[in-house]
Amino acid sequence: MPAIRALLESCVNDAGLPTQLVSILLEESPWLDGQSEVHNDFALELLSEPFLKLCLGDSEVQRFISAYNRLVALALYPPSEVQNAAYTACLRAISAYGTNDDYGRGDYCVFDESFSGNRISVTVYGNFRFPANALGALHNVIKEFKAHYGSLEVITEDGNLVAELTP
């Protein structure tokens, strides 16, 4: 609850809204949990009543949701510079152990799309498996970027988990 309170306080402050709104939102809008962004159309419908308690209208709801979605996105999705750096670090860490290829013609694939969430994914093809040194190098990458990623998974092309590395 303290983390949600801090998030809501930041949003209210950023939107220039009364601080009393935080307590109202904590009580009446438990779905504001910081785990996902909120679509503006739903926000207007779901937040109109709590905001009306302080005589606040749609424009204030929109300012709040804009601040909320911005802060949630920062927490959920690493900035593009971090994504690029982590992607490059993964490639560098395992380049000596096989061939990276997006189309299954190599040994493995480091999909750049997987760097936009909080889990990095590396797919291995066929019977290829990384040796312990390669997994150690990948483990060092996830430790380096632990502020942005919770885990790095190595999976087969069928989606079976080979290894899950955490910081």
Protein backbone atom coordinates (compact mmCIF):
# COMPACT_ATOMS: atom_id res chain seq x y z
CA MET A 1 0.00 0.00 0.00
CA PRO A 2 2.82 2.52 0.67
CA ALA A 3 4.06 2.13 -2.92
CA ILE A 4 0.57 2.76 -4.33
CA ARG A 5 0.12 5.74 -2.02
CA ALA A 6 3.44 7.18 -3.23
CA LEU A 7 2.45 6.59 -6.87
CA LEU A 8 -0.92 8.30 -6.40
CA GLU A 9 0.69 11.18 -4.49
CA SER A 10 3.10 11.72 -7.37
CA CYS A 11 0.27 11.63 -9.91
CA VAL A 12 -1.87 14.05 -7.93
CA ASN A 13 1.10 16.37 -7.45
CA ASP A 14 2.14 16.19 -11.13
CA ALA A 15 -1.44 16.94 -12.21
CA GLY A 16 -1.71 19.88 -9.78
CA LEU A 17 -4.67 18.39 -7.92
CA PRO A 18 -5.64 18.59 -4.22
CA THR A 19 -3.74 16.15 -1.99
CA GLN A 20 -7.02 14.97 -0.39
CA LEU A 21 -7.69 13.13 -3.64
CA VAL A 22 -5.10 10.48 -2.73
CA SER A 23 -7.11 9.18 0.24
CA ILE A 24 -10.30 9.14 -1.79
CA LEU A 25 -8.65 7.19 -4.61
CA LEU A 26 -7.08 4.69 -2.21
CA GLU A 27 -10.49 4.01 -0.70
CA GLU A 28 -12.69 4.07 -3.79
CA SER A 29 -10.43 3.04 -6.67
CA PRO A 30 -8.40 -0.02 -5.60
CA TRP A 31 -7.98 -0.95 -9.25
CA LEU A 32 -5.42 1.88 -9.53
CA ASP A 33 -2.70 -0.56 -8.54
CA GLY A 34 0.20 0.66 -10.68
CA GLN A 35 0.28 -2.62 -12.62
CA SER A 36 -1.18 -1.36 -15.89
CA GLU A 37 -2.03 1.84 -17.69
CA VAL A 38 -5.64 3.01 -17.78
CA HIS A 39 -7.47 3.89 -20.98
CA ASN A 40 -8.82 7.47 -20.92
CA ASP A 41 -12.41 6.45 -21.75
CA PHE A 42 -12.56 4.03 -18.82
CA ALA A 43 -10.86 6.52 -16.53
CA LEU A 44 -13.47 9.20 -17.15
CA GLU A 45 -16.24 6.76 -16.34
CA LEU A 46 -14.60 5.11 -13.34
CA LEU A 47 -13.08 8.20 -11.73
CA SER A 48 -15.83 10.76 -12.21
CA GLU A 49 -17.48 9.99 -8.86
CA PRO A 50 -14.34 10.15 -6.68
CA PHE A 51 -13.25 13.34 -8.43
CA LEU A 52 -16.70 14.92 -8.01
CA LYS A 53 -16.29 14.63 -4.23
CA LEU A 54 -13.73 17.42 -4.57
CA CYS A 55 -15.68 19.24 -7.31
CA LEU A 56 -13.19 18.11 -9.96
CA GLY A 57 -14.27 17.42 -13.53
CA ASP A 58 -13.21 15.60 -16.67
CA SER A 59 -10.21 17.80 -17.39
CA GLU A 60 -8.78 17.04 -13.94
CA VAL A 61 -9.41 13.30 -14.45
CA GLN A 62 -7.56 13.49 -17.76
CA ARG A 63 -4.60 15.31 -16.18
CA PHE A 64 -4.46 12.72 -13.41
CA ILE A 65 -4.65 9.76 -15.83
CA SER A 66 -1.99 11.29 -18.05
CA ALA A 67 0.35 11.53 -15.04
CA TYR A 68 -0.65 8.05 -13.83
CA ASN A 69 -0.08 6.38 -17.20
CA ARG A 70 3.26 8.13 -17.64
CA LEU A 71 4.55 6.96 -14.25
CA VAL A 72 3.20 3.42 -14.68
CA ALA A 73 4.80 3.16 -18.14
CA LEU A 74 8.13 4.27 -16.70
CA ALA A 75 7.91 1.53 -14.10
CA LEU A 76 6.68 -1.20 -16.45
CA TYR A 77 8.62 -0.53 -19.63
CA PRO A 78 12.32 0.15 -19.76
CA PRO A 79 13.32 3.28 -21.73
CA SER A 80 14.51 2.59 -25.28
CA GLU A 81 18.12 3.39 -24.35
CA VAL A 82 18.02 0.67 -21.69
CA GLN A 83 16.33 -1.77 -24.07
CA ASN A 84 19.05 -1.19 -26.68
CA ALA A 85 21.85 -1.51 -24.14
CA ALA A 86 20.44 -4.75 -22.68
CA TYR A 87 19.90 -6.21 -26.17
CA THR A 88 23.48 -5.38 -27.16
CA ALA A 89 24.80 -6.81 -23.87
CA CYS A 90 22.93 -10.09 -24.45
CA LEU A 91 24.25 -10.43 -27.98
CA ARG A 92 27.78 -9.67 -26.83
CA ALA A 93 27.53 -12.13 -23.92
CA ILE A 94 26.61 -15.14 -26.06
CA SER A 95 28.01 -14.37 -29.52
CA ALA A 96 30.95 -16.75 -29.00
CA TYR A 97 28.63 -19.67 -28.21
CA GLY A 98 26.56 -19.88 -31.39
CA THR A 99 24.83 -17.99 -34.18
CA ASN A 100 21.98 -15.52 -33.60
CA ASP A 101 19.26 -15.62 -36.28
CA ASP A 102 15.69 -14.31 -36.19
CA TYR A 103 14.42 -16.93 -38.64
CA GLY A 104 15.53 -20.17 -37.03
CA ARG A 105 18.53 -20.79 -39.28
CA GLY A 106 21.00 -20.22 -36.44
CA ASP A 107 21.42 -21.66 -32.98
CA TYR A 108 19.41 -19.11 -31.07
CA CYS A 109 17.58 -15.82 -31.35
CA VAL A 110 17.67 -12.81 -29.07
CA PHE A 111 14.33 -11.18 -29.96
CA ASP A 112 14.56 -7.43 -29.58
CA GLU A 113 10.81 -7.23 -28.86
CA SER A 114 11.32 -9.04 -25.56
CA PHE A 115 13.30 -6.09 -24.17
CA SER A 116 10.23 -3.81 -23.98
CA GLY A 117 8.73 -5.67 -21.01
CA ASN A 118 10.23 -6.80 -17.74
CA ARG A 119 11.43 -10.22 -18.95
CA ILE A 120 14.08 -10.87 -21.59
CA SER A 121 13.64 -13.93 -23.76
CA VAL A 122 16.22 -15.89 -25.75
CA THR A 123 15.01 -18.74 -27.96
CA VAL A 124 17.18 -21.72 -28.80
CA TYR A 125 16.56 -23.75 -31.96
CA GLY A 126 16.64 -27.50 -32.47
CA ASN A 127 18.87 -29.36 -30.04
CA PHE A 128 21.14 -26.38 -29.39
CA ARG A 129 21.71 -25.57 -25.70
CA PHE A 130 23.97 -22.95 -24.18
CA PRO A 131 26.96 -24.18 -22.18
CA ALA A 132 27.27 -23.14 -18.54
CA ASN A 133 29.65 -20.30 -19.45
CA ALA A 134 27.04 -18.77 -21.78
CA LEU A 135 24.33 -19.01 -19.12
CA GLY A 136 26.74 -17.38 -16.68
CA ALA A 137 27.32 -14.54 -19.14
CA LEU A 138 23.55 -14.09 -19.57
CA HIS A 139 23.15 -14.15 -15.79
CA ASN A 140 25.62 -11.27 -15.58
CA VAL A 141 23.49 -9.33 -18.08
CA ILE A 142 20.30 -9.75 -16.05
CA LYS A 143 22.17 -8.71 -12.90
CA GLU A 144 23.49 -5.62 -14.69
CA PHE A 145 19.99 -4.60 -15.77
CA LYS A 146 18.11 -5.76 -12.66
CA ALA A 147 16.53 -2.33 -12.17
CA HIS A 148 14.59 -2.87 -15.39
CA TYR A 149 14.23 -6.62 -15.87
CA GLY A 150 13.05 -9.27 -13.45
CA SER A 151 14.29 -12.29 -15.35
CA LEU A 152 15.88 -13.65 -18.49
CA GLU A 153 14.42 -16.84 -19.87
CA VAL A 154 15.94 -19.24 -22.34
CA ILE A 155 13.20 -21.15 -24.13
CA THR A 156 12.95 -23.61 -27.00
CA GLU A 157 11.24 -22.67 -30.22
CA ASP A 158 8.23 -24.62 -28.90
CA GLY A 159 8.09 -22.38 -25.82
CA ASN A 160 9.50 -24.86 -23.31
CA LEU A 161 11.59 -23.31 -20.56
CA VAL A 162 15.27 -24.27 -20.66
CA ALA A 163 16.54 -21.84 -18.03
CA GLU A 164 15.23 -18.88 -16.07
CA LEU A 165 17.84 -16.47 -14.77
CA THR A 166 17.03 -13.89 -12.12
CA PRO A 167 19.24 -11.11 -10.75
